[in-house]
Amino acid sequence: MIRKIAIIVISTIALTFSSHATSDTDLIINKNKPSEIKECFENFNRGTFALNEGLDKAIFKPIASVYRKLPSPVKSGFSNSLDNLSNLITIPNNFLQGDFGKGVENTGRFVINSTLGILGLIDVAQHLGFSEYEKEDYGQTLAKHGVGPGCYVVLPVLGPSTARDTLGLTVNFFGGDAWYNVTVRN
């Protein structure tokens, strides 16, 4: 298992640094010229897309329909709790990106919501005047430090990404925040 994970991480790093695209701006500029976008894994991406479509129909749509029927306070508390837990990834990335003010503010938000907000079920920090935080992750940190996006890739369950962000998702996952990968996409 660890060997497979190591191979995935090393492959992702290699693909990230071997990309011809040098920045997110290049992808935005080139999005109207699809032939210029580097898609290194087209067959894999097509297969993964089909897998995701099947999982969506078989698993995620039924779960979503049950979730929609829950009372609003339950959905709100669940969402608040996940947002609070995602601070465990956001806070270190605030500091790694050099945004110390946001890092301190998000640390305060996390402490308040984890204690007074009953493990984040209630967003007490918002009622105390803390600004809404923006989620940060290791993929964004790599981008901030000049790492290009790499190749386009479709991930199982998580959907479209880049090689750089896939590496970031891996760090998020093994950094102890498996649910962050799902909640950051909301």
N, C-alpha and C. Protein backbone atom coordinates (compact mmCIF):
# COMPACT_ATOMS: atom_id res chain seq x y z
N MET A 1 0.83 -1.19 0.00
CA MET A 1 0.00 0.00 0.00
C MET A 1 0.87 1.26 0.00
N ILE A 2 1.86 1.30 0.89
CA ILE A 2 2.74 2.48 0.97
C ILE A 2 3.54 2.62 -0.31
N ARG A 3 3.94 1.49 -0.90
CA ARG A 3 4.69 1.55 -2.15
C ARG A 3 3.85 2.18 -3.26
N LYS A 4 2.56 1.80 -3.35
CA LYS A 4 1.67 2.38 -4.36
C LYS A 4 1.50 3.88 -4.15
N ILE A 5 1.34 4.28 -2.91
CA ILE A 5 1.19 5.70 -2.59
C ILE A 5 2.45 6.46 -2.98
N ALA A 6 3.61 5.89 -2.68
CA ALA A 6 4.87 6.54 -3.03
C ALA A 6 5.00 6.70 -4.54
N ILE A 7 4.60 5.68 -5.29
CA ILE A 7 4.67 5.75 -6.75
C ILE A 7 3.75 6.86 -7.28
N ILE A 8 2.53 6.96 -6.72
CA ILE A 8 1.60 8.00 -7.14
C ILE A 8 2.17 9.38 -6.85
N VAL A 9 2.72 9.57 -5.66
CA VAL A 9 3.27 10.88 -5.28
C VAL A 9 4.45 11.25 -6.16
N ILE A 10 5.36 10.31 -6.39
CA ILE A 10 6.54 10.58 -7.22
C ILE A 10 6.11 10.87 -8.66
N SER A 11 5.15 10.11 -9.18
CA SER A 11 4.66 10.36 -10.54
C SER A 11 4.03 11.74 -10.65
N THR A 12 3.25 12.10 -9.64
CA THR A 12 2.59 13.41 -9.65
C THR A 12 3.62 14.53 -9.63
N ILE A 13 4.64 14.39 -8.81
CA ILE A 13 5.70 15.42 -8.75
C ILE A 13 6.39 15.53 -10.10
N ALA A 14 6.74 14.39 -10.69
CA ALA A 14 7.42 14.41 -11.99
C ALA A 14 6.56 15.06 -13.05
N LEU A 15 5.28 14.71 -13.07
CA LEU A 15 4.38 15.30 -14.07
C LEU A 15 4.16 16.78 -13.84
N THR A 16 4.15 17.19 -12.59
CA THR A 16 3.97 18.59 -12.28
C THR A 16 5.12 19.42 -12.85
N PHE A 17 6.34 18.94 -12.66
CA PHE A 17 7.48 19.72 -13.09
C PHE A 17 7.79 19.56 -14.57
N SER A 18 7.19 18.57 -15.23
CA SER A 18 7.48 18.36 -16.64
C SER A 18 6.48 19.04 -17.56
N SER A 19 5.49 19.73 -16.99
CA SER A 19 4.44 20.34 -17.80
C SER A 19 4.99 21.51 -18.62
N HIS A 20 4.42 21.68 -19.82
CA HIS A 20 4.79 22.84 -20.65
C HIS A 20 4.07 24.10 -20.19
N ALA A 21 2.90 23.95 -19.54
CA ALA A 21 2.18 25.11 -19.02
C ALA A 21 2.94 25.62 -17.80
N THR A 22 3.12 26.93 -17.70
CA THR A 22 3.93 27.46 -16.62
C THR A 22 3.12 28.11 -15.52
N SER A 23 1.87 28.37 -15.74
CA SER A 23 1.08 28.99 -14.69
C SER A 23 -0.40 28.78 -14.95
N ASP A 24 -1.22 29.09 -13.93
CA ASP A 24 -2.67 29.02 -14.10
C ASP A 24 -3.13 30.02 -15.15
N THR A 25 -2.42 31.13 -15.27
CA THR A 25 -2.77 32.14 -16.28
C THR A 25 -2.65 31.54 -17.67
N ASP A 26 -1.62 30.71 -17.91
CA ASP A 26 -1.48 30.06 -19.20
C ASP A 26 -2.69 29.19 -19.51
N LEU A 27 -3.19 28.47 -18.50
CA LEU A 27 -4.35 27.63 -18.73
C LEU A 27 -5.58 28.47 -19.06
N ILE A 28 -5.74 29.59 -18.38
CA ILE A 28 -6.88 30.46 -18.64
C ILE A 28 -6.79 31.03 -20.05
N ILE A 29 -5.60 31.49 -20.43
CA ILE A 29 -5.41 32.05 -21.76
C ILE A 29 -5.64 30.99 -22.82
N ASN A 30 -5.18 29.76 -22.57
CA ASN A 30 -5.26 28.70 -23.56
C ASN A 30 -6.57 27.92 -23.54
N LYS A 31 -7.48 28.23 -22.61
CA LYS A 31 -8.69 27.42 -22.53
C LYS A 31 -9.56 27.54 -23.77
N ASN A 32 -9.39 28.61 -24.52
CA ASN A 32 -10.15 28.76 -25.77
C ASN A 32 -9.45 28.07 -26.94
N LYS A 33 -8.27 27.53 -26.68
CA LYS A 33 -7.51 26.79 -27.70
C LYS A 33 -7.22 25.40 -27.13
N PRO A 34 -8.22 24.49 -27.12
CA PRO A 34 -8.05 23.20 -26.47
C PRO A 34 -6.86 22.40 -26.97
N SER A 35 -6.43 22.60 -28.20
CA SER A 35 -5.31 21.82 -28.72
C SER A 35 -4.01 22.19 -28.00
N GLU A 36 -3.96 23.33 -27.34
CA GLU A 36 -2.74 23.75 -26.65
C GLU A 36 -2.70 23.33 -25.18
N ILE A 37 -3.80 22.80 -24.65
CA ILE A 37 -3.82 22.36 -23.27
C ILE A 37 -3.22 20.97 -23.20
N LYS A 38 -2.29 20.80 -22.30
CA LYS A 38 -1.58 19.52 -22.14
C LYS A 38 -2.47 18.53 -21.42
N GLU A 39 -2.86 17.48 -22.11
CA GLU A 39 -3.63 16.40 -21.49
C GLU A 39 -2.82 15.12 -21.65
N CYS A 40 -2.05 14.82 -20.64
CA CYS A 40 -1.13 13.69 -20.69
C CYS A 40 -1.83 12.35 -20.48
N PHE A 41 -3.00 12.37 -19.90
CA PHE A 41 -3.64 11.13 -19.46
C PHE A 41 -5.03 10.96 -20.08
N GLU A 42 -5.19 11.22 -21.36
CA GLU A 42 -6.52 11.24 -21.95
C GLU A 42 -7.28 9.92 -21.74
N ASN A 43 -6.65 8.79 -21.99
CA ASN A 43 -7.34 7.51 -21.82
C ASN A 43 -7.71 7.27 -20.36
N PHE A 44 -6.80 7.56 -19.46
CA PHE A 44 -7.07 7.42 -18.03
C PHE A 44 -8.22 8.34 -17.63
N ASN A 45 -8.17 9.59 -18.10
CA ASN A 45 -9.20 10.57 -17.77
C ASN A 45 -10.58 10.12 -18.26
N ARG A 46 -10.65 9.57 -19.46
CA ARG A 46 -11.93 9.11 -20.00
C ARG A 46 -12.48 7.95 -19.16
N GLY A 47 -11.61 7.02 -18.78
CA GLY A 47 -12.03 5.90 -17.94
C GLY A 47 -12.48 6.36 -16.56
N THR A 48 -11.73 7.29 -15.99
CA THR A 48 -12.08 7.80 -14.66
C THR A 48 -13.39 8.58 -14.71
N PHE A 49 -13.59 9.35 -15.78
CA PHE A 49 -14.84 10.08 -15.93
C PHE A 49 -16.02 9.10 -15.97
N ALA A 50 -15.89 8.02 -16.72
CA ALA A 50 -16.96 7.01 -16.80
C ALA A 50 -17.19 6.38 -15.43
N LEU A 51 -16.11 6.09 -14.71
CA LEU A 51 -16.24 5.54 -13.35
C LEU A 51 -17.00 6.52 -12.46
N ASN A 52 -16.62 7.78 -12.51
CA ASN A 52 -17.27 8.80 -11.69
C ASN A 52 -18.75 8.93 -12.02
N GLU A 53 -19.10 8.86 -13.29
CA GLU A 53 -20.51 8.92 -13.70
C GLU A 53 -21.29 7.75 -13.09
N GLY A 54 -20.70 6.55 -13.13
CA GLY A 54 -21.35 5.38 -12.54
C GLY A 54 -21.51 5.50 -11.04
N LEU A 55 -20.45 5.97 -10.36
CA LEU A 55 -20.52 6.16 -8.91
C LEU A 55 -21.56 7.21 -8.54
N ASP A 56 -21.65 8.25 -9.37
CA ASP A 56 -22.62 9.31 -9.11
C ASP A 56 -24.04 8.74 -9.14
N LYS A 57 -24.34 7.96 -10.16
CA LYS A 57 -25.69 7.39 -10.29
C LYS A 57 -25.97 6.37 -9.19
N ALA A 58 -24.99 5.51 -8.88
CA ALA A 58 -25.22 4.41 -7.95
C ALA A 58 -25.14 4.80 -6.48
N ILE A 59 -24.26 5.76 -6.16
CA ILE A 59 -24.01 6.06 -4.75
C ILE A 59 -24.35 7.50 -4.37
N PHE A 60 -23.76 8.46 -5.07
CA PHE A 60 -23.82 9.85 -4.62
C PHE A 60 -25.18 10.51 -4.79
N LYS A 61 -25.88 10.23 -5.87
CA LYS A 61 -27.23 10.80 -6.02
C LYS A 61 -28.19 10.29 -4.96
N PRO A 62 -28.20 8.97 -4.65
CA PRO A 62 -29.07 8.52 -3.56
C PRO A 62 -28.71 9.14 -2.20
N ILE A 63 -27.42 9.27 -1.92
CA ILE A 63 -27.00 9.90 -0.66
C ILE A 63 -27.44 11.36 -0.63
N ALA A 64 -27.27 12.06 -1.75
CA ALA A 64 -27.66 13.47 -1.82
C ALA A 64 -29.16 13.64 -1.64
N SER A 65 -29.94 12.72 -2.18
CA SER A 65 -31.40 12.86 -2.03
C SER A 65 -31.81 12.65 -0.57
N VAL A 66 -31.14 11.77 0.15
CA VAL A 66 -31.43 11.59 1.58
C VAL A 66 -30.97 12.83 2.35
N TYR A 67 -29.79 13.35 2.02
CA TYR A 67 -29.25 14.53 2.71
C TYR A 67 -30.19 15.72 2.55
N ARG A 68 -30.75 15.91 1.35
CA ARG A 68 -31.66 17.04 1.11
C ARG A 68 -32.90 16.99 1.99
N LYS A 69 -33.27 15.80 2.43
CA LYS A 69 -34.47 15.64 3.26
C LYS A 69 -34.21 15.91 4.75
N LEU A 70 -32.94 16.05 5.13
CA LEU A 70 -32.62 16.34 6.53
C LEU A 70 -33.08 17.74 6.90
N PRO A 71 -33.41 17.97 8.16
CA PRO A 71 -33.79 19.32 8.59
C PRO A 71 -32.63 20.30 8.39
N SER A 72 -32.97 21.53 8.10
CA SER A 72 -31.98 22.56 7.82
C SER A 72 -30.94 22.72 8.93
N PRO A 73 -31.32 22.70 10.22
CA PRO A 73 -30.30 22.84 11.27
C PRO A 73 -29.27 21.69 11.28
N VAL A 74 -29.71 20.50 10.92
CA VAL A 74 -28.79 19.36 10.87
C VAL A 74 -27.79 19.55 9.73
N LYS A 75 -28.29 19.94 8.55
CA LYS A 75 -27.41 20.18 7.40
C LYS A 75 -26.44 21.32 7.70
N SER A 76 -26.95 22.38 8.33
CA SER A 76 -26.10 23.53 8.66
C SER A 76 -25.02 23.15 9.66
N GLY A 77 -25.38 22.39 10.68
CA GLY A 77 -24.40 21.96 11.68
C GLY A 77 -23.34 21.06 11.08
N PHE A 78 -23.76 20.15 10.22
CA PHE A 78 -22.82 19.25 9.55
C PHE A 78 -21.85 20.04 8.67
N SER A 79 -22.39 20.98 7.91
CA SER A 79 -21.56 21.82 7.05
C SER A 79 -20.59 22.67 7.86
N ASN A 80 -21.09 23.28 8.95
CA ASN A 80 -20.22 24.08 9.82
C ASN A 80 -19.09 23.26 10.40
N SER A 81 -19.40 22.04 10.82
CA SER A 81 -18.39 21.17 11.41
C SER A 81 -17.30 20.82 10.40
N LEU A 82 -17.70 20.48 9.17
CA LEU A 82 -16.71 20.17 8.13
C LEU A 82 -15.87 21.40 7.78
N ASP A 83 -16.51 22.56 7.70
CA ASP A 83 -15.77 23.80 7.43
C ASP A 83 -14.74 24.05 8.53
N ASN A 84 -15.15 23.83 9.78
CA ASN A 84 -14.25 24.04 10.90
C ASN A 84 -13.06 23.08 10.82
N LEU A 85 -13.33 21.82 10.52
CA LEU A 85 -12.25 20.85 10.41
C LEU A 85 -11.31 21.15 9.25
N SER A 86 -11.82 21.75 8.18
CA SER A 86 -10.96 22.07 7.04
C SER A 86 -9.95 23.16 7.39
N ASN A 87 -10.17 23.86 8.50
CA ASN A 87 -9.17 24.83 8.97
C ASN A 87 -7.85 24.15 9.30
N LEU A 88 -7.89 22.85 9.60
CA LEU A 88 -6.66 22.13 9.90
C LEU A 88 -5.73 22.09 8.69
N ILE A 89 -6.27 22.25 7.50
CA ILE A 89 -5.46 22.36 6.29
C ILE A 89 -5.25 23.82 5.93
N THR A 90 -6.27 24.64 6.08
CA THR A 90 -6.18 26.05 5.71
C THR A 90 -5.12 26.79 6.53
N ILE A 91 -5.10 26.58 7.84
CA ILE A 91 -4.20 27.34 8.73
C ILE A 91 -2.73 27.16 8.35
N PRO A 92 -2.21 25.92 8.24
CA PRO A 92 -0.79 25.81 7.87
C PRO A 92 -0.50 26.41 6.49
N ASN A 93 -1.46 26.31 5.58
CA ASN A 93 -1.24 26.87 4.25
C ASN A 93 -1.27 28.39 4.26
N ASN A 94 -2.04 29.00 5.17
CA ASN A 94 -1.96 30.46 5.32
C ASN A 94 -0.53 30.85 5.66
N PHE A 95 0.07 30.14 6.61
CA PHE A 95 1.44 30.46 7.02
C PHE A 95 2.46 30.13 5.93
N LEU A 96 2.30 28.98 5.25
CA LEU A 96 3.23 28.61 4.18
C LEU A 96 3.18 29.59 3.01
N GLN A 97 2.03 30.24 2.82
CA GLN A 97 1.90 31.24 1.76
C GLN A 97 2.31 32.63 2.22
N GLY A 98 2.70 32.75 3.47
CA GLY A 98 3.15 34.04 3.99
C GLY A 98 2.03 34.96 4.45
N ASP A 99 0.82 34.45 4.57
CA ASP A 99 -0.31 35.26 5.00
C ASP A 99 -0.54 35.02 6.50
N PHE A 100 0.34 35.62 7.31
CA PHE A 100 0.34 35.37 8.75
C PHE A 100 -0.90 35.92 9.44
N GLY A 101 -1.41 37.05 8.97
CA GLY A 101 -2.62 37.63 9.56
C GLY A 101 -3.80 36.68 9.42
N LYS A 102 -3.99 36.13 8.21
CA LYS A 102 -5.08 35.17 7.98
C LYS A 102 -4.85 33.89 8.78
N GLY A 103 -3.59 33.48 8.90
CA GLY A 103 -3.28 32.28 9.68
C GLY A 103 -3.67 32.43 11.13
N VAL A 104 -3.37 33.59 11.71
CA VAL A 104 -3.72 33.86 13.10
C VAL A 104 -5.24 33.96 13.24
N GLU A 105 -5.89 34.66 12.31
CA GLU A 105 -7.35 34.80 12.35
C GLU A 105 -8.04 33.45 12.23
N ASN A 106 -7.58 32.61 11.31
CA ASN A 106 -8.19 31.29 11.14
C ASN A 106 -7.91 30.37 12.32
N THR A 107 -6.75 30.56 12.98
CA THR A 107 -6.47 29.79 14.19
C THR A 107 -7.47 30.18 15.28
N GLY A 108 -7.70 31.49 15.44
CA GLY A 108 -8.69 31.96 16.41
C GLY A 108 -10.08 31.44 16.10
N ARG A 109 -10.45 31.48 14.82
CA ARG A 109 -11.75 30.97 14.38
C ARG A 109 -11.88 29.48 14.73
N PHE A 110 -10.83 28.71 14.46
CA PHE A 110 -10.86 27.27 14.74
C PHE A 110 -11.00 26.99 16.24
N VAL A 111 -10.22 27.70 17.06
CA VAL A 111 -10.27 27.49 18.51
C VAL A 111 -11.66 27.84 19.06
N ILE A 112 -12.18 28.98 18.65
CA ILE A 112 -13.51 29.41 19.13
C ILE A 112 -14.59 28.43 18.69
N ASN A 113 -14.60 28.07 17.42
CA ASN A 113 -15.65 27.17 16.93
C ASN A 113 -15.51 25.75 17.47
N SER A 114 -14.27 25.32 17.74
CA SER A 114 -14.08 23.97 18.28
C SER A 114 -14.48 23.87 19.74
N THR A 115 -14.41 24.99 20.46
CA THR A 115 -14.75 24.96 21.89
C THR A 115 -16.16 25.49 22.11
N LEU A 116 -16.35 26.78 21.93
CA LEU A 116 -17.67 27.38 22.16
C LEU A 116 -18.72 26.90 21.16
N GLY A 117 -18.26 26.55 19.96
CA GLY A 117 -19.18 26.11 18.90
C GLY A 117 -19.42 24.62 18.88
N ILE A 118 -19.07 23.93 19.94
CA ILE A 118 -19.30 22.50 20.08
C ILE A 118 -18.76 21.72 18.87
N LEU A 119 -17.44 21.69 18.79
CA LEU A 119 -16.72 21.01 17.70
C LEU A 119 -17.08 21.55 16.32
N GLY A 120 -17.46 22.81 16.27
CA GLY A 120 -17.74 23.46 15.00
C GLY A 120 -19.16 23.34 14.51
N LEU A 121 -20.04 22.71 15.27
CA LEU A 121 -21.43 22.60 14.83
C LEU A 121 -22.09 23.96 14.68
N ILE A 122 -21.66 24.91 15.51
CA ILE A 122 -22.18 26.27 15.45
C ILE A 122 -21.02 27.19 15.11
N ASP A 123 -21.21 28.08 14.16
CA ASP A 123 -20.15 29.02 13.77
C ASP A 123 -20.20 30.25 14.67
N VAL A 124 -19.70 30.08 15.90
CA VAL A 124 -19.70 31.16 16.90
C VAL A 124 -18.79 32.30 16.43
N ALA A 125 -17.68 31.96 15.80
CA ALA A 125 -16.71 32.99 15.36
C ALA A 125 -17.36 34.01 14.43
N GLN A 126 -18.24 33.56 13.57
CA GLN A 126 -18.93 34.49 12.67
C GLN A 126 -19.77 35.49 13.46
N HIS A 127 -20.42 35.01 14.51
CA HIS A 127 -21.24 35.90 15.35
C HIS A 127 -20.39 36.84 16.19
N LEU A 128 -19.10 36.49 16.36
CA LEU A 128 -18.18 37.35 17.11
C LEU A 128 -17.45 38.34 16.20
N GLY A 129 -17.78 38.32 14.91
CA GLY A 129 -17.21 39.31 14.00
C GLY A 129 -16.01 38.83 13.19
N PHE A 130 -15.65 37.56 13.28
CA PHE A 130 -14.57 37.04 12.45
C PHE A 130 -15.04 37.01 11.00
N SER A 131 -14.16 37.41 10.10
CA SER A 131 -14.55 37.37 8.69
C SER A 131 -14.60 35.93 8.21
N GLU A 132 -15.37 35.71 7.17
CA GLU A 132 -15.47 34.38 6.58
C GLU A 132 -14.10 34.01 6.00
N TYR A 133 -13.65 32.82 6.27
CA TYR A 133 -12.33 32.46 5.78
C TYR A 133 -12.41 31.82 4.41
N GLU A 134 -11.31 31.94 3.68
CA GLU A 134 -11.19 31.30 2.38
C GLU A 134 -10.33 30.07 2.55
N LYS A 135 -10.80 28.94 2.03
CA LYS A 135 -10.05 27.70 2.17
C LYS A 135 -8.77 27.77 1.34
N GLU A 136 -7.72 27.29 1.92
CA GLU A 136 -6.42 27.20 1.25
C GLU A 136 -5.97 25.75 1.35
N ASP A 137 -5.19 25.30 0.36
CA ASP A 137 -4.67 23.95 0.41
C ASP A 137 -3.25 23.91 -0.12
N TYR A 138 -2.64 22.73 -0.09
CA TYR A 138 -1.24 22.60 -0.48
C TYR A 138 -1.04 22.83 -1.98
N GLY A 139 -2.04 22.54 -2.80
CA GLY A 139 -1.94 22.85 -4.23
C GLY A 139 -1.82 24.35 -4.46
N GLN A 140 -2.61 25.13 -3.71
CA GLN A 140 -2.53 26.59 -3.82
C GLN A 140 -1.18 27.09 -3.31
N THR A 141 -0.66 26.44 -2.28
CA THR A 141 0.65 26.84 -1.75
C THR A 141 1.74 26.57 -2.78
N LEU A 142 1.68 25.41 -3.43
CA LEU A 142 2.66 25.12 -4.48
C LEU A 142 2.57 26.15 -5.60
N ALA A 143 1.35 26.54 -5.98
CA ALA A 143 1.16 27.55 -7.03
C ALA A 143 1.76 28.88 -6.59
N LYS A 144 1.55 29.25 -5.35
CA LYS A 144 2.07 30.50 -4.82
C LYS A 144 3.59 30.55 -4.91
N HIS A 145 4.21 29.37 -4.79
CA HIS A 145 5.67 29.29 -4.83
C HIS A 145 6.19 28.96 -6.23
N GLY A 146 5.34 29.11 -7.25
CA GLY A 146 5.79 29.03 -8.63
C GLY A 146 5.70 27.69 -9.32
N VAL A 147 5.10 26.69 -8.70
CA VAL A 147 4.97 25.39 -9.35
C VAL A 147 3.82 25.46 -10.36
N GLY A 148 4.10 25.09 -11.59
CA GLY A 148 3.09 25.10 -12.65
C GLY A 148 2.04 24.03 -12.41
N PRO A 149 0.90 24.14 -13.09
CA PRO A 149 -0.21 23.23 -12.83
C PRO A 149 0.02 21.80 -13.30
N GLY A 150 0.90 21.59 -14.27
CA GLY A 150 1.10 20.25 -14.78
C GLY A 150 -0.03 19.84 -15.70
N CYS A 151 -0.17 18.56 -15.89
CA CYS A 151 -1.17 18.01 -16.81
C CYS A 151 -2.55 17.97 -16.17
N TYR A 152 -3.56 18.01 -17.03
CA TYR A 152 -4.95 17.86 -16.63
C TYR A 152 -5.18 16.39 -16.27
N VAL A 153 -5.89 16.15 -15.18
CA VAL A 153 -6.19 14.78 -14.77
C VAL A 153 -7.57 14.74 -14.12
N VAL A 154 -8.31 13.67 -14.39
CA VAL A 154 -9.61 13.46 -13.74
C VAL A 154 -9.38 12.41 -12.66
N LEU A 155 -9.69 12.79 -11.42
CA LEU A 155 -9.47 11.90 -10.28
C LEU A 155 -10.73 11.10 -9.96
N PRO A 156 -10.57 9.86 -9.52
CA PRO A 156 -11.73 9.10 -9.07
C PRO A 156 -12.43 9.82 -7.92
N VAL A 157 -13.72 9.94 -7.98
CA VAL A 157 -14.61 10.57 -7.00
C VAL A 157 -14.44 12.09 -6.95
N LEU A 158 -13.23 12.60 -6.94
CA LEU A 158 -12.98 14.04 -6.76
C LEU A 158 -13.13 14.84 -8.05
N GLY A 159 -12.99 14.22 -9.20
CA GLY A 159 -13.20 14.91 -10.46
C GLY A 159 -11.97 15.58 -11.03
N PRO A 160 -12.16 16.63 -11.85
CA PRO A 160 -11.05 17.25 -12.57
C PRO A 160 -10.06 17.96 -11.64
N SER A 161 -8.79 17.87 -12.04
CA SER A 161 -7.73 18.51 -11.26
C SER A 161 -6.52 18.71 -12.18
N THR A 162 -5.42 19.09 -11.57
CA THR A 162 -4.14 19.17 -12.28
C THR A 162 -3.15 18.32 -11.51
N ALA A 163 -2.01 18.05 -12.12
CA ALA A 163 -0.99 17.25 -11.44
C ALA A 163 -0.54 17.94 -10.14
N ARG A 164 -0.38 19.26 -10.18
CA ARG A 164 0.03 20.00 -8.98
C ARG A 164 -1.01 19.88 -7.87
N ASP A 165 -2.27 20.08 -8.22
CA ASP A 165 -3.31 20.01 -7.21
C ASP A 165 -3.53 18.59 -6.71
N THR A 166 -3.24 17.60 -7.56
CA THR A 166 -3.32 16.21 -7.12
C THR A 166 -2.28 15.95 -6.05
N LEU A 167 -1.09 16.48 -6.23
CA LEU A 167 -0.06 16.36 -5.20
C LEU A 167 -0.55 17.04 -3.92
N GLY A 168 -1.14 18.23 -4.06
CA GLY A 168 -1.69 18.93 -2.90
C GLY A 168 -2.78 18.14 -2.21
N LEU A 169 -3.66 17.50 -2.99
CA LEU A 169 -4.72 16.67 -2.41
C LEU A 169 -4.14 15.51 -1.63
N THR A 170 -3.04 14.94 -2.15
CA THR A 170 -2.38 13.83 -1.47
C THR A 170 -1.84 14.29 -0.12
N VAL A 171 -1.22 15.45 -0.09
CA VAL A 171 -0.71 15.99 1.18
C VAL A 171 -1.87 16.28 2.13
N ASN A 172 -2.95 16.86 1.61
CA ASN A 172 -4.13 17.10 2.45
C ASN A 172 -4.62 15.80 3.07
N PHE A 173 -4.73 14.76 2.26
CA PHE A 173 -5.25 13.48 2.73
C PHE A 173 -4.35 12.88 3.81
N PHE A 174 -3.06 12.79 3.51
CA PHE A 174 -2.14 12.17 4.47
C PHE A 174 -1.77 13.11 5.60
N GLY A 175 -2.15 14.38 5.46
CA GLY A 175 -1.96 15.34 6.55
C GLY A 175 -3.07 15.21 7.59
N GLY A 176 -3.99 14.29 7.38
CA GLY A 176 -5.01 14.03 8.38
C GLY A 176 -6.36 14.63 8.08
N ASP A 177 -6.57 15.14 6.89
CA ASP A 177 -7.84 15.79 6.60
C ASP A 177 -8.44 15.20 5.32
N ALA A 178 -8.87 13.96 5.41
CA ALA A 178 -9.40 13.26 4.24
C ALA A 178 -10.64 13.94 3.68
N TRP A 179 -11.49 14.50 4.52
CA TRP A 179 -12.73 15.13 4.05
C TRP A 179 -12.49 16.49 3.41
N TYR A 180 -11.33 17.10 3.63
CA TYR A 180 -11.04 18.41 3.05
C TYR A 180 -11.13 18.37 1.53
N ASN A 181 -10.63 17.28 0.94
CA ASN A 181 -10.64 17.15 -0.51
C ASN A 181 -12.04 17.26 -1.08
N VAL A 182 -13.03 16.80 -0.37
CA VAL A 182 -14.40 16.88 -0.84
C VAL A 182 -15.00 18.25 -0.53
N THR A 183 -14.77 18.76 0.69
CA THR A 183 -15.41 20.02 1.08
C THR A 183 -14.83 21.22 0.36
N VAL A 184 -13.57 21.17 -0.04
CA VAL A 184 -12.97 22.32 -0.72
C VAL A 184 -13.60 22.55 -2.09
N ARG A 185 -14.18 21.54 -2.66
CA ARG A 185 -14.80 21.65 -3.98
C ARG A 185 -16.17 22.28 -3.94
N ASN A 186 -16.71 22.48 -2.74
CA ASN A 186 -18.07 23.05 -2.62
C ASN A 186 -18.06 24.54 -2.88
